[in-house]
Amino acid sequence: MKLAVGVNNIFNRMPPYAGISQAAGNNNNNVDTATYSPIGRLMYVSASIKF
């Protein structure tokens, strides 16, 4: 049995600012979403059983 519990971005911080030339795509979000996740705090639980 395997159990995993975790939190990504526990302090809910925004990714660092990226200049217009560095921003991924043309979507005006001012951060590099190709490198940093645009999702804030994310909690997860995973369980698996192997027979």
PDB file of N, CA and C in Angstrom:
ATOM      1  N   MET A   1       0.848  -1.167   0.000  1.00  0.00           N
ATOM      2  CA  MET A   1       0.000   0.000   0.000  1.00  0.00           C
ATOM      3  C   MET A   1       0.901   1.240   0.000  1.00  0.00           C
ATOM      4  N   LYS A   2       0.494   2.223  -0.767  1.00  0.00           N
ATOM      5  CA  LYS A   2       1.250   3.468  -0.864  1.00  0.00           C
ATOM      6  C   LYS A   2       0.287   4.636  -0.678  1.00  0.00           C
ATOM      7  N   LEU A   3       0.652   5.582   0.176  1.00  0.00           N
ATOM      8  CA  LEU A   3      -0.177   6.744   0.454  1.00  0.00           C
ATOM      9  C   LEU A   3       0.696   7.991   0.353  1.00  0.00           C
ATOM     10  N   ALA A   4       0.217   8.980  -0.379  1.00  0.00           N
ATOM     11  CA  ALA A   4       0.941  10.248  -0.527  1.00  0.00           C
ATOM     12  C   ALA A   4      -0.011  11.400  -0.256  1.00  0.00           C
ATOM     13  N   VAL A   5       0.447  12.344   0.541  1.00  0.00           N
ATOM     14  CA  VAL A   5      -0.320  13.547   0.860  1.00  0.00           C
ATOM     15  C   VAL A   5       0.631  14.714   0.694  1.00  0.00           C
ATOM     16  N   GLY A   6       0.175  15.790   0.065  1.00  0.00           N
ATOM     17  CA  GLY A   6       1.075  16.913  -0.128  1.00  0.00           C
ATOM     18  C   GLY A   6       0.367  18.200  -0.483  1.00  0.00           C
ATOM     19  N   VAL A   7       1.154  19.278  -0.512  1.00  0.00           N
ATOM     20  CA  VAL A   7       0.671  20.602  -0.877  1.00  0.00           C
ATOM     21  C   VAL A   7       1.719  21.245  -1.786  1.00  0.00           C
ATOM     22  N   ASN A   8       1.288  21.717  -2.933  1.00  0.00           N
ATOM     23  CA  ASN A   8       2.149  22.507  -3.812  1.00  0.00           C
ATOM     24  C   ASN A   8       1.818  23.976  -3.598  1.00  0.00           C
ATOM     25  N   ASN A   9       2.841  24.821  -3.546  1.00  0.00           N
ATOM     26  CA  ASN A   9       2.689  26.264  -3.351  1.00  0.00           C
ATOM     27  C   ASN A   9       1.919  26.546  -2.058  1.00  0.00           C
ATOM     28  N   ILE A  10       2.446  26.067  -0.957  1.00  0.00           N
ATOM     29  CA  ILE A  10       1.763  26.139   0.337  1.00  0.00           C
ATOM     30  C   ILE A  10       1.446  27.572   0.773  1.00  0.00           C
ATOM     31  N   PHE A  11       2.285  28.544   0.408  1.00  0.00           N
ATOM     32  CA  PHE A  11       2.054  29.928   0.808  1.00  0.00           C
ATOM     33  C   PHE A  11       1.283  30.722  -0.242  1.00  0.00           C
ATOM     34  N   ASN A  12       0.843  30.058  -1.316  1.00  0.00           N
ATOM     35  CA  ASN A  12       0.009  30.652  -2.369  1.00  0.00           C
ATOM     36  C   ASN A  12       0.665  31.887  -2.989  1.00  0.00           C
ATOM     37  N   ARG A  13       1.947  31.790  -3.306  1.00  0.00           N
ATOM     38  CA  ARG A  13       2.690  32.909  -3.895  1.00  0.00           C
ATOM     39  C   ARG A  13       2.553  32.906  -5.413  1.00  0.00           C
ATOM     40  N   MET A  14       2.574  34.093  -5.988  1.00  0.00           N
ATOM     41  CA  MET A  14       2.519  34.248  -7.437  1.00  0.00           C
ATOM     42  C   MET A  14       3.894  33.945  -8.035  1.00  0.00           C
ATOM     43  N   PRO A  15       3.942  33.455  -9.281  1.00  0.00           N
ATOM     44  CA  PRO A  15       5.225  33.252  -9.947  1.00  0.00           C
ATOM     45  C   PRO A  15       5.914  34.597 -10.187  1.00  0.00           C
ATOM     46  N   PRO A  16       7.238  34.603 -10.386  1.00  0.00           N
ATOM     47  CA  PRO A  16       7.941  35.867 -10.627  1.00  0.00           C
ATOM     48  C   PRO A  16       7.497  36.525 -11.932  1.00  0.00           C
ATOM     49  N   TYR A  17       7.560  37.839 -11.962  1.00  0.00           N
ATOM     50  CA  TYR A  17       7.178  38.620 -13.136  1.00  0.00           C
ATOM     51  C   TYR A  17       8.111  38.309 -14.304  1.00  0.00           C
ATOM     52  N   ALA A  18       7.541  38.182 -15.479  1.00  0.00           N
ATOM     53  CA  ALA A  18       8.324  37.986 -16.698  1.00  0.00           C
ATOM     54  C   ALA A  18       8.012  39.141 -17.638  1.00  0.00           C
ATOM     55  N   GLY A  19       9.045  39.693 -18.253  1.00  0.00           N
ATOM     56  CA  GLY A  19       8.848  40.766 -19.207  1.00  0.00           C
ATOM     57  C   GLY A  19       8.028  40.301 -20.407  1.00  0.00           C
ATOM     58  N   ILE A  20       7.550  41.218 -21.189  1.00  0.00           N
ATOM     59  CA  ILE A  20       6.701  40.888 -22.339  1.00  0.00           C
ATOM     60  C   ILE A  20       7.410  39.940 -23.298  1.00  0.00           C
ATOM     61  N   SER A  21       8.709  40.107 -23.492  1.00  0.00           N
ATOM     62  CA  SER A  21       9.434  39.241 -24.420  1.00  0.00           C
ATOM     63  C   SER A  21       9.628  37.832 -23.861  1.00  0.00           C
ATOM     64  N   GLN A  22       9.553  37.664 -22.519  1.00  0.00           N
ATOM     65  CA  GLN A  22       9.762  36.356 -21.918  1.00  0.00           C
ATOM     66  C   GLN A  22       8.463  35.607 -21.636  1.00  0.00           C
ATOM     67  N   ALA A  23       7.345  36.297 -21.605  1.00  0.00           N
ATOM     68  CA  ALA A  23       6.080  35.648 -21.257  1.00  0.00           C
ATOM     69  C   ALA A  23       5.723  34.605 -22.307  1.00  0.00           C
ATOM     70  N   ALA A  24       5.273  33.457 -21.848  1.00  0.00           N
ATOM     71  CA  ALA A  24       4.899  32.375 -22.761  1.00  0.00           C
ATOM     72  C   ALA A  24       3.574  32.709 -23.419  1.00  0.00           C
ATOM     73  N   GLY A  25       3.564  32.674 -24.730  1.00  0.00           N
ATOM     74  CA  GLY A  25       2.327  32.951 -25.461  1.00  0.00           C
ATOM     75  C   GLY A  25       2.020  34.436 -25.521  1.00  0.00           C
ATOM     76  N   ASN A  26       0.838  34.747 -25.946  1.00  0.00           N
ATOM     77  CA  ASN A  26       0.425  36.135 -26.103  1.00  0.00           C
ATOM     78  C   ASN A  26      -0.836  36.381 -25.288  1.00  0.00           C
ATOM     79  N   ASN A  27      -0.875  35.924 -24.033  1.00  0.00           N
ATOM     80  CA  ASN A  27      -2.099  35.961 -23.251  1.00  0.00           C
ATOM     81  C   ASN A  27      -2.105  37.008 -22.135  1.00  0.00           C
ATOM     82  N   ASN A  28      -1.157  37.923 -22.094  1.00  0.00           N
ATOM     83  CA  ASN A  28      -1.120  39.062 -21.173  1.00  0.00           C
ATOM     84  C   ASN A  28      -1.172  38.685 -19.696  1.00  0.00           C
ATOM     85  N   ASN A  29      -0.581  37.577 -19.302  1.00  0.00           N
ATOM     86  CA  ASN A  29      -0.603  37.221 -17.890  1.00  0.00           C
ATOM     87  C   ASN A  29       0.673  37.620 -17.160  1.00  0.00           C
ATOM     88  N   ASN A  30       1.673  38.148 -17.844  1.00  0.00           N
ATOM     89  CA  ASN A  30       2.905  38.706 -17.279  1.00  0.00           C
ATOM     90  C   ASN A  30       3.745  37.730 -16.466  1.00  0.00           C
ATOM     91  N   VAL A  31       3.493  36.448 -16.560  1.00  0.00           N
ATOM     92  CA  VAL A  31       4.331  35.437 -15.931  1.00  0.00           C
ATOM     93  C   VAL A  31       4.619  34.346 -16.952  1.00  0.00           C
ATOM     94  N   ASP A  32       5.704  33.628 -16.741  1.00  0.00           N
ATOM     95  CA  ASP A  32       6.088  32.548 -17.640  1.00  0.00           C
ATOM     96  C   ASP A  32       5.361  31.276 -17.218  1.00  0.00           C
ATOM     97  N   THR A  33       4.191  31.029 -17.792  1.00  0.00           N
ATOM     98  CA  THR A  33       3.392  29.863 -17.413  1.00  0.00           C
ATOM     99  C   THR A  33       3.961  28.564 -17.967  1.00  0.00           C
ATOM    100  N   ALA A  34       4.942  28.639 -18.844  1.00  0.00           N
ATOM    101  CA  ALA A  34       5.594  27.428 -19.326  1.00  0.00           C
ATOM    102  C   ALA A  34       6.527  26.851 -18.252  1.00  0.00           C
ATOM    103  N   THR A  35       7.051  27.706 -17.379  1.00  0.00           N
ATOM    104  CA  THR A  35       7.964  27.284 -16.318  1.00  0.00           C
ATOM    105  C   THR A  35       7.269  27.184 -14.962  1.00  0.00           C
ATOM    106  N   TYR A  36       6.401  28.136 -14.659  1.00  0.00           N
ATOM    107  CA  TYR A  36       5.730  28.198 -13.359  1.00  0.00           C
ATOM    108  C   TYR A  36       4.247  27.911 -13.523  1.00  0.00           C
ATOM    109  N   SER A  37       3.693  27.182 -12.589  1.00  0.00           N
ATOM    110  CA  SER A  37       2.278  26.831 -12.638  1.00  0.00           C
ATOM    111  C   SER A  37       1.406  28.040 -12.317  1.00  0.00           C
ATOM    112  N   PRO A  38       0.354  28.295 -13.098  1.00  0.00           N
ATOM    113  CA  PRO A  38      -0.549  29.398 -12.786  1.00  0.00           C
ATOM    114  C   PRO A  38      -1.548  29.036 -11.680  1.00  0.00           C
ATOM    115  N   ILE A  39      -1.569  27.778 -11.252  1.00  0.00           N
ATOM    116  CA  ILE A  39      -2.476  27.339 -10.194  1.00  0.00           C
ATOM    117  C   ILE A  39      -1.887  27.743  -8.851  1.00  0.00           C
ATOM    118  N   GLY A  40      -2.712  28.275  -7.990  1.00  0.00           N
ATOM    119  CA  GLY A  40      -2.259  28.675  -6.649  1.00  0.00           C
ATOM    120  C   GLY A  40      -2.032  27.457  -5.777  1.00  0.00           C
ATOM    121  N   ARG A  41      -2.430  27.534  -4.533  1.00  0.00           N
ATOM    122  CA  ARG A  41      -2.248  26.434  -3.584  1.00  0.00           C
ATOM    123  C   ARG A  41      -3.005  25.202  -4.090  1.00  0.00           C
ATOM    124  N   LEU A  42      -2.332  24.060  -4.064  1.00  0.00           N
ATOM    125  CA  LEU A  42      -2.928  22.810  -4.539  1.00  0.00           C
ATOM    126  C   LEU A  42      -2.633  21.715  -3.526  1.00  0.00           C
ATOM    127  N   MET A  43      -3.686  21.156  -2.946  1.00  0.00           N
ATOM    128  CA  MET A  43      -3.543  20.059  -1.988  1.00  0.00           C
ATOM    129  C   MET A  43      -3.934  18.759  -2.675  1.00  0.00           C
ATOM    130  N   TYR A  44      -3.209  17.684  -2.377  1.00  0.00           N
ATOM    131  CA  TYR A  44      -3.523  16.425  -3.029  1.00  0.00           C
ATOM    132  C   TYR A  44      -3.344  15.246  -2.078  1.00  0.00           C
ATOM    133  N   VAL A  45      -4.092  14.184  -2.363  1.00  0.00           N
ATOM    134  CA  VAL A  45      -4.001  12.907  -1.655  1.00  0.00           C
ATOM    135  C   VAL A  45      -4.038  11.820  -2.711  1.00  0.00           C
ATOM    136  N   SER A  46      -3.141  10.868  -2.590  1.00  0.00           N
ATOM    137  CA  SER A  46      -3.072   9.770  -3.543  1.00  0.00           C
ATOM    138  C   SER A  46      -2.875   8.465  -2.776  1.00  0.00           C
ATOM    139  N   ALA A  47      -3.590   7.432  -3.201  1.00  0.00           N
ATOM    140  CA  ALA A  47      -3.450   6.120  -2.576  1.00  0.00           C
ATOM    141  C   ALA A  47      -3.452   5.043  -3.637  1.00  0.00           C
ATOM    142  N   SER A  48      -2.638   4.010  -3.428  1.00  0.00           N
ATOM    143  CA  SER A  48      -2.620   2.887  -4.359  1.00  0.00           C
ATOM    144  C   SER A  48      -2.317   1.606  -3.592  1.00  0.00           C
ATOM    145  N   ILE A  49      -2.880   0.516  -4.099  1.00  0.00           N
ATOM    146  CA  ILE A  49      -2.660  -0.802  -3.512  1.00  0.00           C
ATOM    147  C   ILE A  49      -2.177  -1.716  -4.619  1.00  0.00           C
ATOM    148  N   LYS A  50      -1.138  -2.456  -4.336  1.00  0.00           N
ATOM    149  CA  LYS A  50      -0.582  -3.379  -5.314  1.00  0.00           C
ATOM    150  C   LYS A  50      -0.707  -4.801  -4.764  1.00  0.00           C
ATOM    151  N   PHE A  51      -1.310  -5.683  -5.540  1.00  0.00           N
ATOM    152  CA  PHE A  51      -1.483  -7.075  -5.123  1.00  0.00           C
ATOM    153  C   PHE A  51      -0.422  -7.962  -5.709  1.00  0.00           C
TER     154      PHE A  51
END
